[in-house]
């Protein structure tokens, strides 16, 4: 007898009469009949009173379930024997069989989405489920797969088009946008490098000129000294010769003449020394001096903005020079106009930009509840203001920073924000600007903090 036949013969002996599956945690009643613990518990739970055996109908006065460990071991052996003896489903040995009942899989449970045999179809496990013939399900699945295949083909075509567009965008980014940015960066640094090289050449040229002048003066002085020395040496020789003169009258006359010449010679020896090198021009704060000059080459130059009092909310107090704004709990009596923010404590700059590159810096105070950026000329200034690009605001704020740099490139559609202390990048908007943009300011609502102030750079 083969293992397969033996396993099939033992299966009926170790099958629960309620669920028709191999026993799970089998228990024995006083009538010696066996059931799955869960199956008999469910069966008795449906009874109105008493406990009876589902097979022999014997009634028991009280619930007594004894685990049948011997039967449990036999069930495990049969289950293992069936697995070992089961035909290889991948081999061409016939149709697939149910792993529990070794029956052909002729049905399909739509609820569990599982192929089952006829025994499974009447078991408790699939009770109340939607059971259909497996051939009918196969036809339905084939129709669905054909339909899905068409849909997938359409999606593949759509993704292929998107993929081609993405590849084109990547290529454009690499070839056009990135190359333009690289060229701009190189140009910016090359301009600074050229400026520094020119300044270096100019300073060294001035130093060479100064050196030439000093050497020329010193050489002229040296020539004078040589000439005077020679004259004095000649005079000294003449004096020594006169000392040997024996005629007193001649000696006295020679002394008089020599005294006059000596006076003249001493006067001519008062040579003015050559001037010293002007080290202050070459050994001072050279880098700072060059940086001062370099600022004239900066583009864009930090814009000297002022605040527009016509746009300021009544709860904002502006400084006399219109460079600072501070929140106040008391509203000011200001005339109504279309430019004014009537509810939110905001203010715009007097200057707007329709083109070009622009940069400015703002001291935002000690509190993080602030916003700065740009706003479109057509923004709605009535009621509550929501700071989003869709509403015409490109702003940044509410972070722990003391000084913020704002950069606007109108043609490129770029608004960037930087920590002005070290120029660390904070955020960038990329958009398309079609109208005039105004610098926007929303100071802290804390009256105890410093005012928000536009920084004017001295160039």
Protein backbone atom coordinates (compact mmCIF):
# COMPACT_ATOMS: atom_id res chain seq x y z
CA UNK A 1 0.00 0.00 0.00
CA UNK A 2 1.42 3.37 -1.00
CA UNK A 3 1.83 6.26 1.42
CA UNK A 4 -0.74 8.22 -0.57
CA UNK A 5 -3.40 5.48 -0.22
CA UNK A 6 -2.58 5.02 3.48
CA UNK A 7 -2.90 8.72 4.13
CA UNK A 8 -6.23 8.82 2.27
CA UNK A 9 -7.54 5.93 4.37
CA UNK A 10 -6.57 7.52 7.68
CA UNK A 11 -7.96 10.93 6.76
CA UNK A 12 -11.57 9.92 7.29
CA UNK A 13 -10.68 8.57 10.73
CA UNK A 14 -9.16 11.87 11.92
CA UNK A 15 -11.73 14.26 10.39
CA UNK A 16 -14.01 16.33 12.60
CA UNK A 17 -17.69 15.42 11.90
CA UNK A 18 -18.66 19.08 12.28
CA UNK A 19 -16.15 21.03 10.13
CA UNK A 20 -15.11 18.04 8.00
CA UNK A 21 -11.46 19.07 8.35
CA UNK A 22 -8.63 17.36 10.20
CA UNK A 23 -9.02 17.76 13.94
CA UNK A 24 -7.72 20.97 15.48
CA UNK A 25 -7.09 20.59 19.24
CA UNK A 26 -9.37 17.48 19.49
CA UNK A 27 -11.45 16.87 22.64
CA UNK A 28 -13.33 13.70 23.71
CA UNK A 29 -16.86 13.72 25.17
CA UNK A 30 -18.13 11.24 27.75
CA UNK A 31 -19.76 9.33 24.90
CA UNK A 32 -16.28 8.78 23.42
CA UNK A 33 -16.96 10.89 20.32
CA UNK A 34 -14.28 13.42 19.28
CA UNK A 35 -14.57 16.94 17.94
CA UNK A 36 -12.46 20.03 17.43
CA UNK A 37 -12.57 22.07 20.62
CA UNK A 38 -13.73 25.19 18.74
CA UNK A 39 -16.36 23.24 16.75
CA UNK A 40 -18.08 21.67 19.78
CA UNK A 41 -17.92 24.93 21.68
CA UNK A 42 -19.69 26.71 18.81
CA UNK A 43 -22.24 23.89 18.48
CA UNK A 44 -23.11 23.99 22.16
CA UNK A 45 -23.23 27.76 22.12
CA UNK A 46 -26.18 27.56 19.73
CA UNK A 47 -28.20 25.26 22.03
CA UNK A 48 -30.87 26.80 24.25
CA UNK A 49 -30.18 24.41 27.17
CA UNK A 50 -28.09 21.35 28.08
CA UNK A 51 -25.13 19.78 26.30
CA UNK A 52 -25.59 16.93 23.78
CA UNK A 53 -23.33 15.07 21.38
CA UNK A 54 -23.91 16.18 17.75
CA UNK A 55 -23.44 12.55 16.61
CA UNK A 56 -25.25 10.33 19.11
CA UNK A 57 -27.38 13.06 20.73
CA UNK A 58 -26.47 11.84 24.24
CA UNK A 59 -27.11 14.64 26.75
CA UNK A 60 -24.66 15.56 29.47
CA UNK A 61 -25.59 17.31 32.70
CA UNK A 62 -22.49 19.51 32.62
CA UNK A 63 -19.76 20.56 30.21
CA UNK A 64 -16.72 18.29 30.37
CA UNK A 65 -14.19 18.50 27.54
CA UNK A 66 -11.14 16.28 27.78
CA UNK A 67 -8.20 16.90 25.47
CA UNK A 68 -7.44 13.86 23.36
CA UNK A 69 -3.67 14.14 23.01
CA UNK A 70 -3.30 10.72 21.44
CA UNK A 71 -5.71 11.69 18.68
CA UNK A 72 -3.92 15.02 18.26
CA UNK A 73 -0.64 13.20 17.70
CA UNK A 74 -2.27 10.87 15.17
CA UNK A 75 -3.75 13.84 13.32
CA UNK A 76 -0.33 15.47 13.10
CA UNK A 77 1.18 12.24 11.77
CA UNK A 78 -1.56 11.91 9.14
CA UNK A 79 -1.14 15.55 8.12
CA UNK A 80 2.61 15.06 7.69
CA UNK A 81 2.07 11.79 5.83
CA UNK A 82 -0.30 13.48 3.38
CA UNK A 83 2.18 16.27 2.78
CA UNK A 84 5.02 13.84 2.14
CA UNK A 85 2.91 11.62 -0.12
CA UNK A 86 1.14 14.42 -2.01
CA UNK A 87 1.95 14.59 -5.74
CA UNK A 88 4.30 17.44 -6.91
CA UNK A 89 1.95 20.17 -8.16
CA UNK A 90 4.64 21.43 -10.53
CA UNK A 91 4.92 18.06 -12.24
CA UNK A 92 2.64 16.95 -15.04
CA UNK A 93 0.94 14.34 -12.84
CA UNK A 94 -2.62 15.62 -13.02
CA UNK A 95 -4.79 18.43 -11.72
CA UNK A 96 -4.04 20.27 -8.49
CA UNK A 97 -5.61 18.82 -5.35
CA UNK A 98 -6.94 20.36 -2.16
CA UNK A 99 -4.18 20.24 0.52
CA UNK A 100 -6.79 19.41 3.21
CA UNK A 101 -9.03 16.84 1.50
CA UNK A 102 -6.93 15.75 -1.49
CA UNK A 103 -9.88 16.42 -3.76
CA UNK A 104 -9.79 18.18 -7.11
CA UNK A 105 -10.11 21.96 -6.91
CA UNK A 106 -13.45 22.38 -8.71
CA UNK A 107 -14.83 25.43 -6.84
CA UNK A 108 -13.71 28.99 -6.18
CA UNK A 109 -14.49 30.99 -3.01
CA UNK A 110 -14.96 34.61 -4.08
CA UNK A 111 -14.83 35.89 -0.50
CA UNK A 112 -11.45 34.27 0.27
CA UNK A 113 -10.30 34.41 -3.40
CA UNK A 114 -9.18 30.80 -3.12
CA UNK A 115 -9.63 27.62 -5.17
CA UNK A 116 -11.29 24.91 -3.05
CA UNK A 117 -12.64 21.38 -3.38
CA UNK A 118 -16.25 20.22 -3.00
CA UNK A 119 -15.67 19.19 0.64
CA UNK A 120 -14.29 22.67 1.44
CA UNK A 121 -17.34 24.18 -0.21
CA UNK A 122 -19.69 22.56 2.37
CA UNK A 123 -17.34 23.03 5.33
CA UNK A 124 -17.85 25.45 8.16
CA UNK A 125 -14.80 27.46 7.08
CA UNK A 126 -16.57 28.59 3.89
CA UNK A 127 -20.11 28.62 5.27
CA UNK A 128 -22.09 31.53 3.83
CA UNK A 129 -19.35 32.41 1.32
CA UNK A 130 -19.95 33.02 -2.37
CA UNK A 131 -18.94 29.73 -4.03
CA UNK A 132 -18.88 29.38 -7.83
CA UNK A 133 -17.53 26.73 -10.23
CA UNK A 134 -13.83 27.27 -10.88
CA UNK A 135 -14.26 27.10 -14.68
CA UNK A 136 -16.77 29.93 -14.52
CA UNK A 137 -14.30 31.91 -12.44
CA UNK A 138 -11.50 31.19 -14.88
CA UNK A 139 -13.54 32.61 -17.77
CA UNK A 140 -14.37 35.68 -15.69
CA UNK A 141 -10.73 36.09 -14.70
CA UNK A 142 -9.62 35.78 -18.32
CA UNK A 143 -12.04 38.53 -19.32
CA UNK A 144 -10.83 40.71 -16.46
CA UNK A 145 -7.19 40.05 -17.29
CA UNK A 146 -7.83 40.92 -20.94
CA UNK A 147 -9.54 44.13 -19.89
CA UNK A 148 -6.75 44.91 -17.40
CA UNK A 149 -4.15 44.14 -20.04
CA UNK A 150 -5.64 46.81 -22.29
CA UNK A 151 -5.66 49.30 -19.47
CA UNK A 152 -2.08 48.44 -18.58
CA UNK A 153 -1.01 48.91 -22.18
CA UNK A 154 -2.56 52.39 -22.17
CA UNK A 155 -0.80 53.21 -18.90
CA UNK A 156 2.51 51.94 -20.25
CA UNK A 157 2.08 54.19 -23.30
CA UNK A 158 1.21 57.17 -21.07
CA UNK A 159 4.19 56.52 -18.80
CA UNK A 160 6.41 56.14 -21.85
CA UNK A 161 5.33 59.60 -23.02
CA UNK A 162 5.93 61.05 -19.55
CA UNK A 163 9.27 59.23 -19.38
CA UNK A 164 10.31 60.78 -22.70
CA UNK A 165 9.27 64.22 -21.47
CA UNK A 166 11.18 63.68 -18.23
CA UNK A 167 14.29 62.59 -20.10
CA UNK A 168 13.98 65.68 -22.27
CA UNK A 169 13.63 67.87 -19.16
CA UNK A 170 16.69 66.22 -17.59
CA UNK A 171 18.65 66.81 -20.78
CA UNK A 172 17.55 70.45 -20.93
CA UNK A 173 18.47 70.89 -17.29
CA UNK A 174 21.93 69.46 -17.85
CA UNK A 175 22.60 71.20 -21.13
CA UNK A 176 20.82 74.53 -20.71
CA UNK A 177 19.91 75.48 -17.17
CA UNK A 178 22.88 73.98 -15.39
CA UNK A 179 25.31 75.21 -18.02
CA UNK A 180 23.91 78.72 -17.72
CA UNK A 181 24.24 78.60 -13.92
CA UNK A 182 27.79 77.26 -14.17
CA UNK A 183 28.73 80.02 -16.63
CA UNK A 184 27.23 82.66 -14.37
CA UNK A 185 29.08 81.36 -11.31
CA UNK A 186 32.33 81.22 -13.26
CA UNK A 187 31.73 84.74 -14.59
CA UNK A 188 31.01 86.13 -11.11
CA UNK A 189 34.17 84.66 -9.62
CA UNK A 190 36.23 85.55 -12.67
CA UNK A 191 35.14 89.17 -12.31
CA UNK A 192 36.24 89.19 -8.67
CA UNK A 193 39.47 87.43 -9.56
CA UNK A 194 40.17 89.95 -12.32
CA UNK A 195 39.46 92.84 -9.96
CA UNK A 196 41.81 91.42 -7.32
CA UNK A 197 44.53 90.86 -9.91
CA UNK A 198 44.13 94.44 -11.14
CA UNK A 199 44.26 95.78 -7.57
CA UNK A 200 47.31 93.66 -6.84
CA UNK A 201 49.07 95.00 -9.95
CA UNK A 202 48.10 98.59 -9.07
CA UNK A 203 49.38 98.34 -5.49
CA UNK A 204 52.64 96.71 -6.58
CA UNK A 205 53.00 99.38 -9.29
CA UNK A 206 52.60 102.18 -6.74
CA UNK A 207 55.13 100.44 -4.53
CA UNK A 208 57.62 100.25 -7.41
CA UNK A 209 57.09 103.96 -8.19
CA UNK A 210 57.62 104.85 -4.55
CA UNK A 211 60.73 102.69 -4.46
CA UNK A 212 62.09 104.37 -7.60
CA UNK A 213 61.51 107.87 -6.20
CA UNK A 214 63.15 107.00 -2.91
CA UNK A 215 66.18 105.44 -4.59
CA UNK A 216 66.52 108.42 -6.93
CA UNK A 217 66.45 110.89 -4.03
CA UNK A 218 68.92 108.80 -2.05
CA UNK A 219 71.28 108.51 -5.02
CA UNK A 220 71.15 112.29 -5.56
CA UNK A 221 71.93 112.80 -1.88
CA UNK A 222 74.79 110.31 -2.19
CA UNK A 223 76.26 112.24 -5.13
CA UNK A 224 76.13 115.47 -3.13
CA UNK A 225 77.85 113.79 -0.22
CA UNK A 226 80.62 112.45 -2.47
CA UNK A 227 81.18 115.90 -4.01
CA UNK A 228 81.24 117.64 -0.64
CA UNK A 229 83.60 115.02 0.76
CA UNK A 230 85.99 115.57 -2.17
CA UNK A 231 85.87 119.34 -1.68
CA UNK A 232 86.63 118.98 2.02
CA UNK A 233 89.51 116.60 1.35
CA UNK A 234 91.01 119.16 -1.09
CA UNK A 235 90.59 121.90 1.48
CA UNK A 236 92.24 119.75 4.13
CA UNK A 237 95.26 119.18 1.90
CA UNK A 238 95.52 122.93 1.25
CA UNK A 239 95.47 123.68 4.99
CA UNK A 240 98.22 121.17 5.66
CA UNK A 241 100.33 122.79 2.91
CA UNK A 242 99.83 126.27 4.36
CA UNK A 243 101.04 125.08 7.74
CA UNK A 244 104.43 124.66 6.20
CA UNK A 245 104.50 128.33 5.07
CA UNK A 246 107.37 130.33 6.72
CA UNK A 247 106.31 133.89 5.77
CA UNK A 248 103.96 135.18 8.55
CA UNK A 249 102.20 137.65 6.23
CA UNK A 250 101.44 134.98 3.66
CA UNK A 251 100.41 132.55 6.39
CA UNK A 252 97.93 135.03 7.83
CA UNK A 253 96.47 135.69 4.39
CA UNK A 254 96.15 131.99 3.71
CA UNK A 255 94.41 131.48 7.08
CA UNK A 256 91.88 134.17 6.21
CA UNK A 257 91.15 132.66 2.79
CA UNK A 258 90.88 129.16 4.21
CA UNK A 259 88.52 130.30 6.94
CA UNK A 260 86.13 131.74 4.34
CA UNK A 261 86.25 128.56 2.26
CA UNK A 262 85.78 126.43 5.34
CA UNK A 263 82.65 128.29 6.28
CA UNK A 264 81.29 127.77 2.78
CA UNK A 265 82.20 124.10 2.86
CA UNK A 266 80.47 123.46 6.16
CA UNK A 267 77.31 125.15 4.92
CA UNK A 268 77.25 123.01 1.82
CA UNK A 269 77.47 119.89 3.99
CA UNK A 270 73.98 120.38 5.43
CA UNK A 271 72.40 117.80 3.05
CA UNK A 272 68.69 117.05 3.54
CA UNK A 273 68.27 113.28 4.17
CA UNK A 274 66.06 111.21 1.80
CA UNK A 275 62.40 110.86 2.97
CA UNK A 276 61.19 107.55 4.42
CA UNK A 277 58.87 105.04 2.73
CA UNK A 278 55.18 105.84 3.27
CA UNK A 279 54.41 102.43 4.82
CA UNK A 280 50.86 103.44 5.68
CA UNK A 281 49.89 103.02 2.02
CA UNK A 282 51.23 99.48 1.83
CA UNK A 283 51.24 97.96 5.32
CA UNK A 284 47.85 99.11 6.63
CA UNK A 285 44.51 97.17 6.49
CA UNK A 286 45.14 96.26 2.86
CA UNK A 287 42.39 93.63 2.54
CA UNK A 288 39.79 95.93 4.05
CA UNK A 289 40.81 98.74 1.71
CA UNK A 290 40.48 96.42 -1.30
CA UNK A 291 37.09 95.17 -0.02
CA UNK A 292 35.91 98.79 0.16
CA UNK A 293 36.76 99.19 -3.50
CA UNK A 294 35.28 95.80 -4.39
CA UNK A 295 31.89 96.86 -3.09
CA UNK A 296 31.65 99.23 -6.03
CA UNK A 297 31.75 96.16 -8.29
CA UNK A 298 28.91 94.34 -6.45
CA UNK A 299 25.82 93.61 -8.53
CA UNK A 300 23.09 93.90 -7.53
CA UNK A 301 23.91 96.69 -5.11
CA UNK A 302 21.86 96.39 -1.87
CA UNK A 303 18.79 98.51 -2.53
CA UNK A 304 18.26 101.53 -0.19
CA UNK A 305 14.57 100.82 0.40
CA UNK A 306 12.12 102.91 2.40
CA UNK A 307 8.71 101.96 3.76
CA UNK A 308 5.51 103.25 2.15
CA UNK A 309 3.38 104.92 4.85
CA UNK A 310 0.34 104.75 2.58
CA UNK A 311 0.41 100.93 2.75
CA UNK A 312 1.18 100.61 6.48
CA UNK A 313 -1.46 99.08 8.74
CA UNK A 314 -2.68 101.53 11.44
CA UNK A 315 -1.14 99.33 14.16
CA UNK A 316 2.35 99.84 12.74
CA UNK A 317 4.52 102.75 13.85
CA UNK A 318 7.10 103.78 11.24
CA UNK A 319 10.39 105.56 11.97
CA UNK A 320 10.96 109.12 10.74
CA UNK A 321 13.39 107.94 8.05
CA UNK A 322 10.85 105.27 6.95
CA UNK A 323 13.31 102.38 7.39
CA UNK A 324 11.82 100.73 10.52
CA UNK A 325 8.39 99.43 11.57
CA UNK A 326 7.19 98.37 15.01
CA UNK A 327 3.90 96.88 16.15
CA UNK A 328 1.75 98.90 18.53
CA UNK A 329 -1.29 97.83 20.54
CA UNK A 330 -2.86 101.23 19.87
CA UNK A 331 -4.23 102.00 16.43
CA UNK A 332 -3.23 105.27 14.77
CA UNK A 333 -5.70 107.60 13.10
CA UNK A 334 -4.67 107.28 9.47
CA UNK A 335 -6.59 108.15 6.30
CA UNK A 336 -8.22 105.28 4.44
CA UNK A 337 -6.80 104.44 1.02
CA UNK A 338 -6.67 101.50 -1.35
CA UNK A 339 -2.97 100.88 -0.75
CA UNK A 340 -3.30 100.34 3.03
CA UNK A 341 -3.49 96.93 4.76
CA UNK A 342 -6.66 97.46 6.80
CA UNK A 343 -6.50 94.33 9.01
CA UNK A 344 -3.06 92.65 9.03
CA UNK A 345 -0.06 94.57 10.42
CA UNK A 346 1.87 94.64 7.13
CA UNK A 347 3.66 97.30 5.08
CA UNK A 348 5.24 97.49 1.63
CA UNK A 349 8.28 99.37 0.40
CA UNK A 350 7.83 102.55 -1.58
CA UNK A 351 9.94 101.11 -4.38
CA UNK A 352 8.71 98.29 -6.63
CA UNK A 353 10.50 96.25 -9.30
CA UNK A 354 9.25 95.24 -12.73
CA UNK A 355 12.55 93.79 -13.97
CA UNK A 356 16.16 93.15 -13.06
CA UNK A 357 18.03 91.67 -10.11
CA UNK A 358 17.68 93.23 -6.66
CA UNK A 359 18.90 92.50 -3.14
CA UNK A 360 18.19 94.00 0.27
CA UNK A 361 18.70 93.08 3.92
CA UNK A 362 16.35 93.34 6.87
CA UNK A 363 17.05 93.27 10.61
CA UNK A 364 14.07 91.22 11.83
CA UNK A 365 14.49 91.74 15.60
CA UNK A 366 14.76 89.27 18.46
CA UNK A 367 11.48 87.36 17.97
CA UNK A 368 10.79 84.71 15.29
CA UNK A 369 7.22 85.84 14.42
CA UNK A 370 8.03 87.90 11.30
CA UNK A 371 7.76 87.59 7.54
CA UNK A 372 9.63 89.33 4.73
CA UNK A 373 9.67 88.90 0.96
CA UNK A 374 7.84 90.37 -2.01
CA UNK A 375 4.19 90.96 -2.91
CA UNK A 376 2.48 91.56 -6.22
CA UNK A 377 1.09 95.03 -6.86
CA UNK A 378 -2.43 93.59 -7.32
CA UNK A 379 -2.66 91.80 -3.95
CA UNK A 380 -5.84 92.05 -1.88
CA UNK A 381 -5.10 94.26 1.13
CA UNK A 382 -8.47 93.94 2.83
CA UNK A 383 -9.15 91.51 5.66
CA UNK A 384 -6.98 88.60 6.67
CA UNK A 385 -3.89 88.15 4.48
CA UNK A 386 -2.77 84.60 3.62
CA UNK A 387 0.88 84.64 2.58
CA UNK A 388 1.01 82.20 -0.35
CA UNK A 389 2.25 82.53 -3.95
CA UNK A 390 -1.30 81.82 -5.12
CA UNK A 391 -2.36 85.02 -3.35
CA UNK A 392 0.56 87.04 -4.70
CA UNK A 393 2.96 86.71 -1.74
CA UNK A 394 6.42 85.12 -1.86
CA UNK A 395 7.57 85.38 1.75
CA UNK A 396 9.69 83.63 4.37
CA UNK A 397 9.79 83.94 8.15
CA UNK A 398 9.10 82.55 11.59
CA UNK A 399 12.64 81.25 12.15
CA UNK A 400 15.38 82.16 14.63
CA UNK A 401 17.45 84.63 12.62
CA UNK A 402 18.58 88.19 13.26
CA UNK A 403 19.23 89.51 9.76
CA UNK A 404 17.71 88.29 6.49
CA UNK A 405 18.86 88.90 2.93
CA UNK A 406 16.23 88.90 0.15
CA UNK A 407 17.19 88.40 -3.51
CA UNK A 408 14.80 88.98 -6.41
CA UNK A 409 15.45 88.07 -10.05
CA UNK A 410 12.32 89.22 -11.86
CA UNK A 411 13.15 87.72 -15.27
CA UNK A 412 14.17 84.34 -13.85
CA UNK A 413 11.15 84.23 -11.52
CA UNK A 414 13.31 83.71 -8.42
CA UNK A 415 12.92 84.94 -4.85
CA UNK A 416 15.60 83.64 -2.45
CA UNK A 417 16.24 84.20 1.24
CA UNK A 418 19.59 84.10 3.07
CA UNK A 419 20.98 84.46 6.55
CA UNK A 420 22.71 87.80 5.99
CA UNK A 421 25.33 87.03 8.65
CA UNK A 422 27.03 84.28 6.59
CA UNK A 423 24.85 84.23 3.43
CA UNK A 424 23.62 80.69 4.16
CA UNK A 425 20.70 79.85 1.85
CA UNK A 426 17.35 79.49 3.64
CA UNK A 427 14.62 79.16 1.00
CA UNK A 428 13.85 79.84 -2.68
CA UNK A 429 10.64 80.36 -4.64
CA UNK A 430 10.61 79.74 -8.40
CA UNK A 431 7.64 81.23 -10.21
CA UNK A 432 6.62 83.36 -13.19
CA UNK A 433 6.23 87.06 -12.46
CA UNK A 434 4.04 89.11 -14.75
CA UNK A 435 3.61 92.31 -12.75
CA UNK A 436 5.39 94.74 -10.49
CA UNK A 437 6.64 93.33 -7.17
CA UNK A 438 7.09 95.28 -3.94
CA UNK A 439 9.26 94.32 -0.94
CA UNK A 440 6.94 93.10 1.84
CA UNK A 441 7.37 93.36 5.62
CA UNK A 442 5.47 91.91 8.58
CA UNK A 443 7.19 92.78 11.90
CA UNK A 444 6.86 90.86 15.14
CA UNK A 445 3.59 91.34 16.99
CA UNK A 446 5.56 91.62 20.26
CA UNK A 447 5.76 95.28 21.25
CA UNK A 448 8.75 94.56 23.51
CA UNK A 449 11.02 93.43 20.70
CA UNK A 450 13.20 95.58 18.46
CA UNK A 451 11.54 97.04 15.36
CA UNK A 452 11.92 95.41 11.98
CA UNK A 453 14.46 97.57 10.15
CA UNK A 454 15.68 97.84 6.55
CA UNK A 455 19.49 97.79 6.51
CA UNK A 456 21.10 100.45 4.33
CA UNK A 457 24.55 99.45 3.14
CA UNK A 458 27.23 102.09 2.75
CA UNK A 459 28.79 101.51 -0.67
